[in-house]
Amino acid sequence: MLPLYRDPHYLFRFADSRIIARIRLEGATAGQRVKLVRVDASTLKQSDVIAEANIGADGWVELAEPLIVHAGEAFVAAPSQLE
């Protein structure tokens, strides 16, 4: 079955503070570049790019430096479009 709608990005929101060393983007294509962009958790307004990396096997993204996120923060992972 094909979904009727699919967001072009992945949203991560955190209820607790944590250190993020890697993330998984389900359905993402290995080899694509991904940007992680900080967003306001309530309005989803984008802020600054906090990391860039390549998507690996099974959608795993290994970050060069772990991210420290605090309770209530959010970020978006936006894969580049294949040309």
Protein backbone atom coordinates (compact mmCIF):
# COMPACT_ATOMS: atom_id res chain seq x y z
CA MET A 1 0.00 0.00 0.00
CA LEU A 2 1.28 3.49 -0.85
CA PRO A 3 0.75 6.25 1.72
CA LEU A 4 -1.36 9.21 0.59
CA TYR A 5 1.05 11.67 2.19
CA ARG A 6 4.63 11.49 3.42
CA ASP A 7 6.55 14.29 5.10
CA PRO A 8 9.84 15.11 3.33
CA HIS A 9 11.58 15.25 6.73
CA TYR A 10 11.72 13.48 10.08
CA LEU A 11 10.78 15.33 13.28
CA PHE A 12 12.37 14.45 16.63
CA ARG A 13 10.96 15.89 19.90
CA PHE A 14 12.35 15.12 23.34
CA ALA A 15 10.57 14.99 26.68
CA ASP A 16 13.85 14.28 28.51
CA SER A 17 17.39 15.54 28.07
CA ARG A 18 19.69 13.11 26.29
CA ILE A 19 22.81 12.67 24.22
CA ILE A 20 22.18 11.55 20.64
CA ALA A 21 25.04 9.76 18.85
CA ARG A 22 22.96 8.30 16.02
CA ILE A 23 19.43 8.34 14.67
CA ARG A 24 17.43 6.06 12.39
CA LEU A 25 15.43 7.44 9.47
CA GLU A 26 13.00 4.71 8.48
CA GLY A 27 12.64 4.40 4.72
CA ALA A 28 15.57 6.73 3.94
CA THR A 29 17.98 5.77 1.15
CA ALA A 30 21.55 4.90 2.12
CA GLY A 31 24.11 7.32 0.73
CA GLN A 32 21.89 10.40 0.88
CA ARG A 33 23.10 13.45 2.78
CA VAL A 34 20.97 14.61 5.72
CA LYS A 35 20.89 17.93 7.57
CA LEU A 36 19.73 18.19 11.17
CA VAL A 37 18.06 21.53 11.82
CA ARG A 38 17.04 22.83 15.24
CA VAL A 39 13.36 23.85 15.39
CA ASP A 40 11.14 25.53 17.94
CA ALA A 41 9.19 22.64 19.48
CA SER A 42 5.88 24.53 19.58
CA THR A 43 5.90 26.43 16.27
CA LEU A 44 8.29 24.17 14.28
CA LYS A 45 10.05 27.31 13.02
CA GLN A 46 13.48 26.29 11.75
CA SER A 47 16.59 27.73 13.33
CA ASP A 48 20.19 26.70 12.64
CA VAL A 49 21.77 23.61 11.08
CA ILE A 50 23.25 21.59 13.95
CA ALA A 51 24.79 18.69 12.00
CA GLU A 52 25.20 17.10 8.59
CA ALA A 53 25.93 13.44 7.85
CA ASN A 54 25.37 10.62 5.36
CA ILE A 55 22.62 8.05 5.76
CA GLY A 56 24.05 4.56 6.18
CA ALA A 57 22.63 1.06 5.89
CA ASP A 58 19.07 0.55 7.17
CA GLY A 59 18.61 4.34 7.53
CA TRP A 60 21.12 4.78 10.37
CA VAL A 61 22.84 8.16 10.61
CA GLU A 62 26.06 8.15 12.66
CA LEU A 63 26.86 11.66 13.90
CA ALA A 64 30.49 12.86 13.96
CA GLU A 65 29.83 14.52 17.33
CA PRO A 66 26.94 13.53 19.60
CA LEU A 67 24.15 16.08 20.00
CA ILE A 68 23.08 17.23 23.44
CA VAL A 69 19.35 17.91 23.47
CA HIS A 70 17.42 19.20 26.45
CA ALA A 71 13.89 18.42 27.55
CA GLY A 72 11.39 20.21 25.31
CA GLU A 73 13.76 20.69 22.38
CA ALA A 74 13.25 19.39 18.85
CA PHE A 75 15.06 19.00 15.56
CA VAL A 76 14.25 18.00 12.00
CA ALA A 77 16.28 15.60 9.88
CA ALA A 78 15.94 16.57 6.21
CA PRO A 79 17.46 14.19 3.63
CA SER A 80 18.65 15.70 0.37
CA GLN A 81 16.64 14.83 -2.70
CA LEU A 82 18.29 12.44 -5.16
CA GLU A 83 18.80 13.97 -8.57
